[in-house]
Amino acid sequence: HEQKNTELHQLIIHSAGSGKLKEMYQTLNTHITIARIHCGGQN
């Protein structure tokens, strides 16, 4: 489910046609991924 959710949001980014925007988004999303792994998403 999380993979599909990520795919949906990345589809928005990729479909914008901006390589720089894609690159910046990928870096930001990495930190959010780490935070989610760290806390486990209790609820």
Full PDB file with SEQRES, HELIX, SHEET, SSBOND, CRYST1, ORIGX, SCALE, CONECT and MASTER records, all heavy atoms in Angstrom:
SEQRES   1 A   43  HIS GLU GLN LYS ASN THR GLU LEU HIS GLN LEU ILE ILE          
SEQRES   2 A   43  HIS SER ALA GLY SER GLY LYS LEU LYS GLU MET TYR GLN          
SEQRES   3 A   43  THR LEU ASN THR HIS ILE THR ILE ALA ARG ILE HIS CYS          
SEQRES   4 A   43  GLY GLY GLN ASN                                              
HELIX    1 AA1 GLU A    2  HIS A   14  1                                  13    
HELIX    2 AA2 GLY A   19  CYS A   39  1                                  21    
CRYST1    1.000    1.000    1.000  90.00  90.00  90.00 P 1           1          
ORIGX1      1.000000  0.000000  0.000000        0.00000                         
ORIGX2      0.000000  1.000000  0.000000        0.00000                         
ORIGX3      0.000000  0.000000  1.000000        0.00000                         
SCALE1      1.000000  0.000000  0.000000        0.00000                         
SCALE2      0.000000  1.000000  0.000000        0.00000                         
SCALE3      0.000000  0.000000  1.000000        0.00000                         
ATOM      1  N   HIS A   1       0.823  -1.204   0.000  1.00  0.00           N  
ATOM      2  CA  HIS A   1       0.000   0.000   0.000  1.00  0.00           C  
ATOM      3  C   HIS A   1       0.862   1.261   0.000  1.00  0.00           C  
ATOM      4  O   HIS A   1       0.613   2.206  -0.757  1.00  0.00           O  
ATOM      5  CB  HIS A   1      -0.916   0.001   1.228  1.00  0.00           C  
ATOM      6  CG  HIS A   1      -1.789   1.210   1.334  1.00  0.00           C  
ATOM      7  ND1 HIS A   1      -3.090   1.236   0.878  1.00  0.00           N  
ATOM      8  CD2 HIS A   1      -1.558   2.451   1.842  1.00  0.00           C  
ATOM      9  CE1 HIS A   1      -3.610   2.433   1.091  1.00  0.00           C  
ATOM     10  NE2 HIS A   1      -2.693   3.186   1.673  1.00  0.00           N  
ATOM     11  N   GLU A   2       1.893   1.269   0.834  1.00  0.00           N  
ATOM     12  CA  GLU A   2       2.770   2.443   0.907  1.00  0.00           C  
ATOM     13  C   GLU A   2       3.516   2.655  -0.401  1.00  0.00           C  
ATOM     14  O   GLU A   2       3.754   3.795  -0.816  1.00  0.00           O  
ATOM     15  CB  GLU A   2       3.739   2.282   2.078  1.00  0.00           C  
ATOM     16  CG  GLU A   2       3.051   2.399   3.436  1.00  0.00           C  
ATOM     17  CD  GLU A   2       4.006   2.206   4.595  1.00  0.00           C  
ATOM     18  OE1 GLU A   2       5.055   1.551   4.396  1.00  0.00           O  
ATOM     19  OE2 GLU A   2       3.702   2.689   5.691  1.00  0.00           O  
ATOM     20  N   GLN A   3       3.887   1.557  -1.067  1.00  0.00           N  
ATOM     21  CA  GLN A   3       4.561   1.670  -2.358  1.00  0.00           C  
ATOM     22  C   GLN A   3       3.630   2.303  -3.399  1.00  0.00           C  
ATOM     23  O   GLN A   3       4.056   3.155  -4.188  1.00  0.00           O  
ATOM     24  CB  GLN A   3       5.022   0.290  -2.830  1.00  0.00           C  
ATOM     25  CG  GLN A   3       6.192  -0.273  -2.033  1.00  0.00           C  
ATOM     26  CD  GLN A   3       6.515  -1.710  -2.395  1.00  0.00           C  
ATOM     27  OE1 GLN A   3       5.721  -2.398  -3.050  1.00  0.00           O  
ATOM     28  NE2 GLN A   3       7.664  -2.193  -1.966  1.00  0.00           N  
ATOM     29  N   LYS A   4       2.371   1.881  -3.405  1.00  0.00           N  
ATOM     30  CA  LYS A   4       1.396   2.446  -4.341  1.00  0.00           C  
ATOM     31  C   LYS A   4       1.107   3.909  -4.025  1.00  0.00           C  
ATOM     32  O   LYS A   4       0.931   4.735  -4.931  1.00  0.00           O  
ATOM     33  CB  LYS A   4       0.101   1.629  -4.314  1.00  0.00           C  
ATOM     34  CG  LYS A   4       0.234   0.236  -4.907  1.00  0.00           C  
ATOM     35  CD  LYS A   4       0.641   0.301  -6.369  1.00  0.00           C  
ATOM     36  CE  LYS A   4       0.847  -1.067  -6.970  1.00  0.00           C  
ATOM     37  NZ  LYS A   4       1.313  -1.015  -8.379  1.00  0.00           N  
ATOM     38  N   ASN A   5       1.056   4.236  -2.743  1.00  0.00           N  
ATOM     39  CA  ASN A   5       0.821   5.621  -2.342  1.00  0.00           C  
ATOM     40  C   ASN A   5       1.976   6.513  -2.818  1.00  0.00           C  
ATOM     41  O   ASN A   5       1.759   7.601  -3.356  1.00  0.00           O  
ATOM     42  CB  ASN A   5       0.674   5.710  -0.826  1.00  0.00           C  
ATOM     43  CG  ASN A   5       0.322   7.112  -0.369  1.00  0.00           C  
ATOM     44  OD1 ASN A   5      -0.682   7.680  -0.771  1.00  0.00           O  
ATOM     45  ND2 ASN A   5       1.165   7.676   0.480  1.00  0.00           N  
ATOM     46  N   THR A   6       3.189   6.033  -2.623  1.00  0.00           N  
ATOM     47  CA  THR A   6       4.367   6.766  -3.093  1.00  0.00           C  
ATOM     48  C   THR A   6       4.331   6.909  -4.607  1.00  0.00           C  
ATOM     49  O   THR A   6       4.641   7.976  -5.157  1.00  0.00           O  
ATOM     50  CB  THR A   6       5.649   6.035  -2.674  1.00  0.00           C  
ATOM     51  OG1 THR A   6       5.722   5.983  -1.238  1.00  0.00           O  
ATOM     52  CG2 THR A   6       6.887   6.738  -3.204  1.00  0.00           C  
ATOM     53  N   GLU A   7       3.916   5.848  -5.291  1.00  0.00           N  
ATOM     54  CA  GLU A   7       3.851   5.868  -6.751  1.00  0.00           C  
ATOM     55  C   GLU A   7       2.863   6.928  -7.235  1.00  0.00           C  
ATOM     56  O   GLU A   7       3.119   7.636  -8.215  1.00  0.00           O  
ATOM     57  CB  GLU A   7       3.440   4.488  -7.261  1.00  0.00           C  
ATOM     58  CG  GLU A   7       3.570   4.315  -8.762  1.00  0.00           C  
ATOM     59  CD  GLU A   7       3.269   2.908  -9.205  1.00  0.00           C  
ATOM     60  OE1 GLU A   7       3.358   1.977  -8.369  1.00  0.00           O  
ATOM     61  OE2 GLU A   7       2.939   2.713 -10.401  1.00  0.00           O  
ATOM     62  N   LEU A   8       1.731   7.053  -6.542  1.00  0.00           N  
ATOM     63  CA  LEU A   8       0.730   8.047  -6.934  1.00  0.00           C  
ATOM     64  C   LEU A   8       1.283   9.462  -6.833  1.00  0.00           C  
ATOM     65  O   LEU A   8       1.157  10.272  -7.753  1.00  0.00           O  
ATOM     66  CB  LEU A   8      -0.524   7.895  -6.063  1.00  0.00           C  
ATOM     67  CG  LEU A   8      -1.722   8.777  -6.433  1.00  0.00           C  
ATOM     68  CD1 LEU A   8      -3.036   8.060  -6.122  1.00  0.00           C  
ATOM     69  CD2 LEU A   8      -1.690  10.119  -5.694  1.00  0.00           C  
ATOM     70  N   HIS A   9       1.929   9.750  -5.702  1.00  0.00           N  
ATOM     71  CA  HIS A   9       2.455  11.105  -5.505  1.00  0.00           C  
ATOM     72  C   HIS A   9       3.626  11.387  -6.439  1.00  0.00           C  
ATOM     73  O   HIS A   9       3.775  12.503  -6.954  1.00  0.00           O  
ATOM     74  CB  HIS A   9       2.858  11.303  -4.047  1.00  0.00           C  
ATOM     75  CG  HIS A   9       1.672  11.450  -3.134  1.00  0.00           C  
ATOM     76  ND1 HIS A   9       1.034  12.653  -2.929  1.00  0.00           N  
ATOM     77  CD2 HIS A   9       0.998  10.542  -2.396  1.00  0.00           C  
ATOM     78  CE1 HIS A   9       0.017  12.479  -2.094  1.00  0.00           C  
ATOM     79  NE2 HIS A   9      -0.027  11.211  -1.764  1.00  0.00           N  
ATOM     80  N   GLN A  10       4.446  10.372  -6.687  1.00  0.00           N  
ATOM     81  CA  GLN A  10       5.560  10.577  -7.605  1.00  0.00           C  
ATOM     82  C   GLN A  10       5.082  10.739  -9.041  1.00  0.00           C  
ATOM     83  O   GLN A  10       5.735  11.412  -9.845  1.00  0.00           O  
ATOM     84  CB  GLN A  10       6.542   9.414  -7.494  1.00  0.00           C  
ATOM     85  CG  GLN A  10       7.349   9.431  -6.204  1.00  0.00           C  
ATOM     86  CD  GLN A  10       8.403   8.357  -6.143  1.00  0.00           C  
ATOM     87  OE1 GLN A  10       8.341   7.372  -6.883  1.00  0.00           O  
ATOM     88  NE2 GLN A  10       9.373   8.517  -5.265  1.00  0.00           N  
ATOM     89  N   LEU A  11       3.922  10.164  -9.368  1.00  0.00           N  
ATOM     90  CA  LEU A  11       3.368  10.323 -10.702  1.00  0.00           C  
ATOM     91  C   LEU A  11       3.010  11.788 -10.958  1.00  0.00           C  
ATOM     92  O   LEU A  11       3.185  12.296 -12.067  1.00  0.00           O  
ATOM     93  CB  LEU A  11       2.125   9.442 -10.867  1.00  0.00           C  
ATOM     94  CG  LEU A  11       1.489   9.402 -12.261  1.00  0.00           C  
ATOM     95  CD1 LEU A  11       2.496   8.923 -13.309  1.00  0.00           C  
ATOM     96  CD2 LEU A  11       0.256   8.498 -12.248  1.00  0.00           C  
ATOM     97  N   ILE A  12       2.531  12.457  -9.922  1.00  0.00           N  
ATOM     98  CA  ILE A  12       2.252  13.895 -10.041  1.00  0.00           C  
ATOM     99  C   ILE A  12       3.544  14.649 -10.327  1.00  0.00           C  
ATOM    100  O   ILE A  12       3.610  15.501 -11.220  1.00  0.00           O  
ATOM    101  CB  ILE A  12       1.589  14.426  -8.757  1.00  0.00           C  
ATOM    102  CG1 ILE A  12       0.211  13.788  -8.565  1.00  0.00           C  
ATOM    103  CG2 ILE A  12       1.469  15.962  -8.793  1.00  0.00           C  
ATOM    104  CD1 ILE A  12      -0.448  14.128  -7.243  1.00  0.00           C  
ATOM    105  N   ILE A  13       4.589  14.315  -9.569  1.00  0.00           N  
ATOM    106  CA  ILE A  13       5.878  14.995  -9.735  1.00  0.00           C  
ATOM    107  C   ILE A  13       6.467  14.723 -11.110  1.00  0.00           C  
ATOM    108  O   ILE A  13       6.887  15.643 -11.825  1.00  0.00           O  
ATOM    109  CB  ILE A  13       6.855  14.531  -8.636  1.00  0.00           C  
ATOM    110  CG1 ILE A  13       6.335  14.910  -7.244  1.00  0.00           C  
ATOM    111  CG2 ILE A  13       8.239  15.127  -8.873  1.00  0.00           C  
ATOM    112  CD1 ILE A  13       6.209  16.384  -6.994  1.00  0.00           C  
ATOM    113  N   HIS A  14       6.503  13.461 -11.514  1.00  0.00           N  
ATOM    114  CA  HIS A  14       7.118  13.087 -12.788  1.00  0.00           C  
ATOM    115  C   HIS A  14       6.358  13.672 -13.973  1.00  0.00           C  
ATOM    116  O   HIS A  14       6.953  13.984 -15.013  1.00  0.00           O  
ATOM    117  CB  HIS A  14       7.178  11.562 -12.919  1.00  0.00           C  
ATOM    118  CG  HIS A  14       8.099  10.931 -11.926  1.00  0.00           C  
ATOM    119  ND1 HIS A  14       8.294   9.573 -11.839  1.00  0.00           N  
ATOM    120  CD2 HIS A  14       8.884  11.467 -10.961  1.00  0.00           C  
ATOM    121  CE1 HIS A  14       9.159   9.302 -10.876  1.00  0.00           C  
ATOM    122  NE2 HIS A  14       9.529  10.437 -10.328  1.00  0.00           N  
ATOM    123  N   SER A  15       5.031  13.820 -13.820  1.00  0.00           N  
ATOM    124  CA  SER A  15       4.208  14.288 -14.934  1.00  0.00           C  
ATOM    125  C   SER A  15       4.268  15.800 -15.106  1.00  0.00           C  
ATOM    126  O   SER A  15       3.692  16.335 -16.060  1.00  0.00           O  
ATOM    127  CB  SER A  15       2.755  13.852 -14.721  1.00  0.00           C  
ATOM    128  OG  SER A  15       2.662  12.443 -14.613  1.00  0.00           O  
ATOM    129  N   ALA A  16       4.969  16.487 -14.204  1.00  0.00           N  
ATOM    130  CA  ALA A  16       5.097  17.941 -14.316  1.00  0.00           C  
ATOM    131  C   ALA A  16       6.090  18.334 -15.399  1.00  0.00           C  
ATOM    132  O   ALA A  16       6.082  19.470 -15.883  1.00  0.00           O  
ATOM    133  CB  ALA A  16       5.520  18.543 -12.980  1.00  0.00           C  
ATOM    134  N   GLY A  17       6.976  17.405 -15.770  1.00  0.00           N  
ATOM    135  CA  GLY A  17       7.939  17.675 -16.835  1.00  0.00           C  
ATOM    136  C   GLY A  17       9.117  18.520 -16.408  1.00  0.00           C  
ATOM    137  O   GLY A  17       9.750  19.165 -17.242  1.00  0.00           O  
ATOM    138  N   SER A  18       9.439  18.503 -15.093  1.00  0.00           N  
ATOM    139  CA  SER A  18      10.561  19.298 -14.575  1.00  0.00           C  
ATOM    140  C   SER A  18      11.553  18.390 -13.860  1.00  0.00           C  
ATOM    141  O   SER A  18      11.254  17.858 -12.786  1.00  0.00           O  
ATOM    142  CB  SER A  18      10.050  20.379 -13.615  1.00  0.00           C  
ATOM    143  OG  SER A  18      11.130  21.008 -12.956  1.00  0.00           O  
ATOM    144  N   GLY A  19      12.726  18.223 -14.466  1.00  0.00           N  
ATOM    145  CA  GLY A  19      13.741  17.378 -13.846  1.00  0.00           C  
ATOM    146  C   GLY A  19      14.236  17.917 -12.521  1.00  0.00           C  
ATOM    147  O   GLY A  19      14.486  17.165 -11.581  1.00  0.00           O  
ATOM    148  N   LYS A  20      14.392  19.230 -12.418  1.00  0.00           N  
ATOM    149  CA  LYS A  20      14.880  19.834 -11.181  1.00  0.00           C  
ATOM    150  C   LYS A  20      13.874  19.672 -10.059  1.00  0.00           C  
ATOM    151  O   LYS A  20      14.235  19.387  -8.919  1.00  0.00           O  
ATOM    152  CB  LYS A  20      15.168  21.325 -11.419  1.00  0.00           C  
ATOM    153  CG  LYS A  20      15.985  21.963 -10.301  1.00  0.00           C  
ATOM    154  CD  LYS A  20      17.352  21.325 -10.197  1.00  0.00           C  
ATOM    155  CE  LYS A  20      18.201  21.977  -9.115  1.00  0.00           C  
ATOM    156  NZ  LYS A  20      19.527  21.331  -8.988  1.00  0.00           N  
ATOM    157  N   LEU A  21      12.600  19.861 -10.373  1.00  0.00           N  
ATOM    158  CA  LEU A  21      11.558  19.686  -9.368  1.00  0.00           C  
ATOM    159  C   LEU A  21      11.554  18.242  -8.873  1.00  0.00           C  
ATOM    160  O   LEU A  21      11.434  17.995  -7.655  1.00  0.00           O  
ATOM    161  CB  LEU A  21      10.202  20.050  -9.989  1.00  0.00           C  
ATOM    162  CG  LEU A  21       9.016  20.258  -9.037  1.00  0.00           C  
ATOM    163  CD1 LEU A  21       7.972  21.157  -9.691  1.00  0.00           C  
ATOM    164  CD2 LEU A  21       8.372  18.946  -8.647  1.00  0.00           C  
ATOM    165  N   LYS A  22      11.692  17.299  -9.776  1.00  0.00           N  
ATOM    166  CA  LYS A  22      11.739  15.879  -9.418  1.00  0.00           C  
ATOM    167  C   LYS A  22      12.903  15.590  -8.486  1.00  0.00           C  
ATOM    168  O   LYS A  22      12.766  14.865  -7.492  1.00  0.00           O  
ATOM    169  CB  LYS A  22      11.845  15.044 -10.698  1.00  0.00           C  
ATOM    170  CG  LYS A  22      11.990  13.553 -10.472  1.00  0.00           C  
ATOM    171  CD  LYS A  22      12.140  12.844 -11.816  1.00  0.00           C  
ATOM    172  CE  LYS A  22      12.446  11.371 -11.629  1.00  0.00           C  
ATOM    173  NZ  LYS A  22      12.644  10.683 -12.937  1.00  0.00           N  
ATOM    174  N   GLU A  23      14.057  16.147  -8.798  1.00  0.00           N  
ATOM    175  CA  GLU A  23      15.261  15.931  -7.985  1.00  0.00           C  
ATOM    176  C   GLU A  23      15.089  16.483  -6.575  1.00  0.00           C  
ATOM    177  O   GLU A  23      15.431  15.821  -5.582  1.00  0.00           O  
ATOM    178  CB  GLU A  23      16.450  16.602  -8.672  1.00  0.00           C  
ATOM    179  CG  GLU A  23      17.763  16.490  -7.928  1.00  0.00           C  
ATOM    180  CD  GLU A  23      18.876  17.269  -8.606  1.00  0.00           C  
ATOM    181  OE1 GLU A  23      18.805  17.477  -9.832  1.00  0.00           O  
ATOM    182  OE2 GLU A  23      19.817  17.681  -7.905  1.00  0.00           O  
ATOM    183  N   MET A  24      14.549  17.690  -6.461  1.00  0.00           N  
ATOM    184  CA  MET A  24      14.348  18.307  -5.150  1.00  0.00           C  
ATOM    185  C   MET A  24      13.319  17.536  -4.336  1.00  0.00           C  
ATOM    186  O   MET A  24      13.484  17.333  -3.123  1.00  0.00           O  
ATOM    187  CB  MET A  24      13.892  19.754  -5.334  1.00  0.00           C  
ATOM    188  CG  MET A  24      14.944  20.667  -5.946  1.00  0.00           C  
ATOM    189  SD  MET A  24      14.291  22.306  -6.352  1.00  0.00           S  
ATOM    190  CE  MET A  24      13.959  22.936  -4.696  1.00  0.00           C  
ATOM    191  N   TYR A  25      12.267  17.078  -4.972  1.00  0.00           N  
ATOM    192  CA  TYR A  25      11.217  16.335  -4.284  1.00  0.00           C  
ATOM    193  C   TYR A  25      11.757  15.022  -3.732  1.00  0.00           C  
ATOM    194  O   TYR A  25      11.422  14.620  -2.619  1.00  0.00           O  
ATOM    195  CB  TYR A  25      10.060  16.072  -5.245  1.00  0.00           C  
ATOM    196  CG  TYR A  25       8.888  15.349  -4.617  1.00  0.00           C  
ATOM    197  CD1 TYR A  25       7.886  16.052  -3.954  1.00  0.00           C  
ATOM    198  CD2 TYR A  25       8.767  13.965  -4.705  1.00  0.00           C  
ATOM    199  CE1 TYR A  25       6.810  15.393  -3.390  1.00  0.00           C  
ATOM    200  CE2 TYR A  25       7.695  13.299  -4.137  1.00  0.00           C  
ATOM    201  CZ  TYR A  25       6.709  14.019  -3.483  1.00  0.00           C  
ATOM    202  OH  TYR A  25       5.651  13.347  -2.916  1.00  0.00           O  
ATOM    203  N   GLN A  26      12.579  14.345  -4.506  1.00  0.00           N  
ATOM    204  CA  GLN A  26      13.128  13.061  -4.085  1.00  0.00           C  
ATOM    205  C   GLN A  26      13.938  13.206  -2.804  1.00  0.00           C  
ATOM    206  O   GLN A  26      13.833  12.387  -1.883  1.00  0.00           O  
ATOM    207  CB  GLN A  26      14.005  12.464  -5.191  1.00  0.00           C  
ATOM    208  CG  GLN A  26      14.614  11.116  -4.846  1.00  0.00           C  
ATOM    209  CD  GLN A  26      13.565  10.058  -4.610  1.00  0.00           C  
ATOM    210  OE1 GLN A  26      12.561   9.995  -5.316  1.00  0.00           O  
ATOM    211  NE2 GLN A  26      13.788   9.214  -3.611  1.00  0.00           N  
ATOM    212  N   THR A  27      14.741  14.257  -2.728  1.00  0.00           N  
ATOM    213  CA  THR A  27      15.545  14.494  -1.524  1.00  0.00           C  
ATOM    214  C   THR A  27      14.657  14.752  -0.318  1.00  0.00           C  
ATOM    215  O   THR A  27      14.890  14.219   0.777  1.00  0.00           O  
ATOM    216  CB  THR A  27      16.481  15.691  -1.745  1.00  0.00           C  
ATOM    217  OG1 THR A  27      17.361  15.394  -2.843  1.00  0.00           O  
ATOM    218  CG2 THR A  27      17.314  15.970  -0.505  1.00  0.00           C  
ATOM    219  N   LEU A  28      13.624  15.579  -0.492  1.00  0.00           N  
ATOM    220  CA  LEU A  28      12.710  15.878   0.613  1.00  0.00           C  
ATOM    221  C   LEU A  28      11.979  14.620   1.075  1.00  0.00           C  
ATOM    222  O   LEU A  28      11.841  14.370   2.283  1.00  0.00           O  
ATOM    223  CB  LEU A  28      11.686  16.930   0.170  1.00  0.00           C  
ATOM    224  CG  LEU A  28      12.212  18.348  -0.048  1.00  0.00           C  
ATOM    225  CD1 LEU A  28      11.120  19.213  -0.663  1.00  0.00           C  
ATOM    226  CD2 LEU A  28      12.690  18.958   1.264  1.00  0.00           C  
ATOM    227  N   ASN A  29      11.509  13.839   0.136  1.00  0.00           N  
ATOM    228  CA  ASN A  29      10.712  12.662   0.479  1.00  0.00           C  
ATOM    229  C   ASN A  29      11.528  11.624   1.229  1.00  0.00           C  
ATOM    230  O   ASN A  29      10.982  10.835   2.014  1.00  0.00           O  
ATOM    231  CB  ASN A  29      10.113  12.045  -0.788  1.00  0.00           C  
ATOM    232  CG  ASN A  29       8.711  11.533  -0.555  1.00  0.00           C  
ATOM    233  OD1 ASN A  29       7.931  12.148   0.154  1.00  0.00           O  
ATOM    234  ND2 ASN A  29       8.382  10.412  -1.156  1.00  0.00           N  
ATOM    235  N   THR A  30      12.829  11.617   1.012  1.00  0.00           N  
ATOM    236  CA  THR A  30      13.706  10.698   1.735  1.00  0.00           C  
ATOM    237  C   THR A  30      13.619  10.930   3.231  1.00  0.00           C  
ATOM    238  O   THR A  30      13.526   9.989   4.029  1.00  0.00           O  
ATOM    239  CB  THR A  30      15.161  10.873   1.260  1.00  0.00           C  
ATOM    240  OG1 THR A  30      15.243  10.485  -0.115  1.00  0.00           O  
ATOM    241  CG2 THR A  30      16.109  10.019   2.077  1.00  0.00           C  
ATOM    242  N   HIS A  31      13.618  12.184   3.653  1.00  0.00           N  
ATOM    243  CA  HIS A  31      13.566  12.505   5.082  1.00  0.00           C  
ATOM    244  C   HIS A  31      12.228  12.095   5.687  1.00  0.00           C  
ATOM    245  O   HIS A  31      12.172  11.616   6.823  1.00  0.00           O  
ATOM    246  CB  HIS A  31      13.801  13.999   5.285  1.00  0.00           C  
ATOM    247  CG  HIS A  31      15.177  14.434   4.902  1.00  0.00           C  
ATOM    248  ND1 HIS A  31      16.255  14.312   5.751  1.00  0.00           N  
ATOM    249  CD2 HIS A  31      15.667  14.954   3.752  1.00  0.00           C  
ATOM    250  CE1 HIS A  31      17.340  14.750   5.141  1.00  0.00           C  
ATOM    251  NE2 HIS A  31      17.007  15.137   3.934  1.00  0.00           N  
ATOM    252  N   ILE A  32      11.158  12.261   4.939  1.00  0.00           N  
ATOM    253  CA  ILE A  32       9.842  11.863   5.426  1.00  0.00           C  
ATOM    254  C   ILE A  32       9.778  10.345   5.566  1.00  0.00           C  
ATOM    255  O   ILE A  32       9.208   9.820   6.534  1.00  0.00           O  
ATOM    256  CB  ILE A  32       8.750  12.387   4.477  1.00  0.00           C  
ATOM    257  CG1 ILE A  32       8.729  13.921   4.523  1.00  0.00           C  
ATOM    258  CG2 ILE A  32       7.387  11.826   4.851  1.00  0.00           C  
ATOM    259  CD1 ILE A  32       7.820  14.566   3.501  1.00  0.00           C  
ATOM    260  N   THR A  33      10.373   9.633   4.618  1.00  0.00           N  
ATOM    261  CA  THR A  33      10.407   8.170   4.681  1.00  0.00           C  
ATOM    262  C   THR A  33      11.140   7.699   5.926  1.00  0.00           C  
ATOM    263  O   THR A  33      10.683   6.790   6.636  1.00  0.00           O  
ATOM    264  CB  THR A  33      11.098   7.591   3.435  1.00  0.00           C  
ATOM    265  OG1 THR A  33      10.357   7.969   2.271  1.00  0.00           O  
ATOM    266  CG2 THR A  33      11.176   6.070   3.507  1.00  0.00           C  
ATOM    267  N   ILE A  34      12.274   8.304   6.228  1.00  0.00           N  
ATOM    268  CA  ILE A  34      13.039   7.936   7.420  1.00  0.00           C  
ATOM    269  C   ILE A  34      12.220   8.186   8.684  1.00  0.00           C  
ATOM    270  O   ILE A  34      12.192   7.363   9.604  1.00  0.00           O  
ATOM    271  CB  ILE A  34      14.360   8.722   7.485  1.00  0.00           C  
ATOM    272  CG1 ILE A  34      15.293   8.277   6.358  1.00  0.00           C  
ATOM    273  CG2 ILE A  34      15.052   8.540   8.834  1.00  0.00           C  
ATOM    274  CD1 ILE A  34      16.539   9.091   6.250  1.00  0.00           C  
ATOM    275  N   ALA A  35      11.535   9.319   8.741  1.00  0.00           N  
ATOM    276  CA  ALA A  35      10.717   9.643   9.912  1.00  0.00           C  
ATOM    277  C   ALA A  35       9.605   8.616  10.097  1.00  0.00           C  
ATOM    278  O   ALA A  35       9.323   8.191  11.219  1.00  0.00           O  
ATOM    279  CB  ALA A  35      10.124  11.044   9.773  1.00  0.00           C  
ATOM    280  N   ARG A  36       8.987   8.195   9.001  1.00  0.00           N  
ATOM    281  CA  ARG A  36       7.911   7.210   9.091  1.00  0.00           C  
ATOM    282  C   ARG A  36       8.436   5.866   9.588  1.00  0.00           C  
ATOM    283  O   ARG A  36       7.806   5.187  10.390  1.00  0.00           O  
ATOM    284  CB  ARG A  36       7.243   7.050   7.726  1.00  0.00           C  
ATOM    285  CG  ARG A  36       6.297   8.199   7.390  1.00  0.00           C  
ATOM    286  CD  ARG A  36       5.580   7.968   6.084  1.00  0.00           C  
ATOM    287  NE  ARG A  36       4.560   8.985   5.878  1.00  0.00           N  
ATOM    288  CZ  ARG A  36       4.322   9.606   4.738  1.00  0.00           C  
ATOM    289  NH1 ARG A  36       5.075   9.319   3.685  1.00  0.00           N  
ATOM    290  NH2 ARG A  36       3.375  10.506   4.634  1.00  0.00           N  
ATOM    291  N   ILE A  37       9.596   5.467   9.092  1.00  0.00           N  
ATOM    292  CA  ILE A  37      10.203   4.220   9.545  1.00  0.00           C  
ATOM    293  C   ILE A  37      10.550   4.314  11.020  1.00  0.00           C  
ATOM    294  O   ILE A  37      10.354   3.385  11.801  1.00  0.00           O  
ATOM    295  CB  ILE A  37      11.467   3.902   8.716  1.00  0.00           C  
ATOM    296  CG1 ILE A  37      11.080   3.592   7.268  1.00  0.00           C  
ATOM    297  CG2 ILE A  37      12.236   2.741   9.312  1.00  0.00           C  
ATOM    298  CD1 ILE A  37      12.263   3.497   6.323  1.00  0.00           C  
ATOM    299  N   HIS A  38      11.056   5.469  11.424  1.00  0.00           N  
ATOM    300  CA  HIS A  38      11.515   5.681  12.786  1.00  0.00           C  
ATOM    301  C   HIS A  38      10.382   5.543  13.804  1.00  0.00           C  
ATOM    302  O   HIS A  38      10.544   4.922  14.854  1.00  0.00           O  
ATOM    303  CB  HIS A  38      12.135   7.071  12.903  1.00  0.00           C  
ATOM    304  CG  HIS A  38      12.620   7.416  14.275  1.00  0.00           C  
ATOM    305  ND1 HIS A  38      13.645   6.744  14.889  1.00  0.00           N  
ATOM    306  CD2 HIS A  38      12.202   8.366  15.163  1.00  0.00           C  
ATOM    307  CE1 HIS A  38      13.860   7.258  16.090  1.00  0.00           C  
ATOM    308  NE2 HIS A  38      12.988   8.236  16.278  1.00  0.00           N  
ATOM    309  N   CYS A  39       9.203   6.121  13.475  1.00  0.00           N  
ATOM    310  CA  CYS A  39       8.131   6.137  14.461  1.00  0.00           C  
ATOM    311  C   CYS A  39       7.161   4.968  14.305  1.00  0.00           C  
ATOM    312  O   CYS A  39       6.408   4.666  15.229  1.00  0.00           O  
ATOM    313  CB  CYS A  39       7.357   7.457  14.412  1.00  0.00           C  
ATOM    314  SG  CYS A  39       6.383   7.653  12.919  1.00  0.00           S  
ATOM    315  N   GLY A  40       7.171   4.342  13.139  1.00  0.00           N  
ATOM    316  CA  GLY A  40       6.344   3.150  12.981  1.00  0.00           C  
ATOM    317  C   GLY A  40       4.889   3.393  12.647  1.00  0.00           C  
ATOM    318  O   GLY A  40       4.157   2.462  12.336  1.00  0.00           O  
ATOM    319  N   GLY A  41       4.407   4.613  12.736  1.00  0.00           N  
ATOM    320  CA  GLY A  41       3.017   4.898  12.384  1.00  0.00           C  
ATOM    321  C   GLY A  41       2.019   4.165  13.250  1.00  0.00           C  
ATOM    322  O   GLY A  41       1.260   3.315  12.795  1.00  0.00           O  
ATOM    323  N   GLN A  42       1.992   4.493  14.559  1.00  0.00           N  
ATOM    324  CA  GLN A  42       1.193   3.734  15.511  1.00  0.00           C  
ATOM    325  C   GLN A  42      -0.292   3.687  15.173  1.00  0.00           C  
ATOM    326  O   GLN A  42      -0.952   2.678  15.402  1.00  0.00           O  
ATOM    327  CB  GLN A  42       1.375   4.336  16.919  1.00  0.00           C  
ATOM    328  CG  GLN A  42       2.801   4.232  17.450  1.00  0.00           C  
ATOM    329  CD  GLN A  42       3.643   5.458  17.117  1.00  0.00           C  
ATOM    330  OE1 GLN A  42       3.333   6.195  16.185  1.00  0.00           O  
ATOM    331  NE2 GLN A  42       4.704   5.678  17.871  1.00  0.00           N  
ATOM    332  N   ASN A  43      -0.860   4.761  14.638  1.00  0.00           N  
ATOM    333  CA  ASN A  43      -2.295   4.820  14.355  1.00  0.00           C  
ATOM    334  C   ASN A  43      -2.579   4.753  12.856  1.00  0.00           C  
ATOM    335  O   ASN A  43      -3.606   5.228  12.402  1.00  0.00           O  
ATOM    336  CB  ASN A  43      -2.876   6.116  14.944  1.00  0.00           C  
ATOM    337  CG  ASN A  43      -2.683   6.188  16.452  1.00  0.00           C  
ATOM    338  OD1 ASN A  43      -2.929   5.220  17.153  1.00  0.00           O  
ATOM    339  ND2 ASN A  43      -2.223   7.330  16.935  1.00  0.00           N  
TER     340      ASN A  43                                                      
MASTER        0    0    0    2    0    0    0    6  339    1    0    4          
END                                                                             
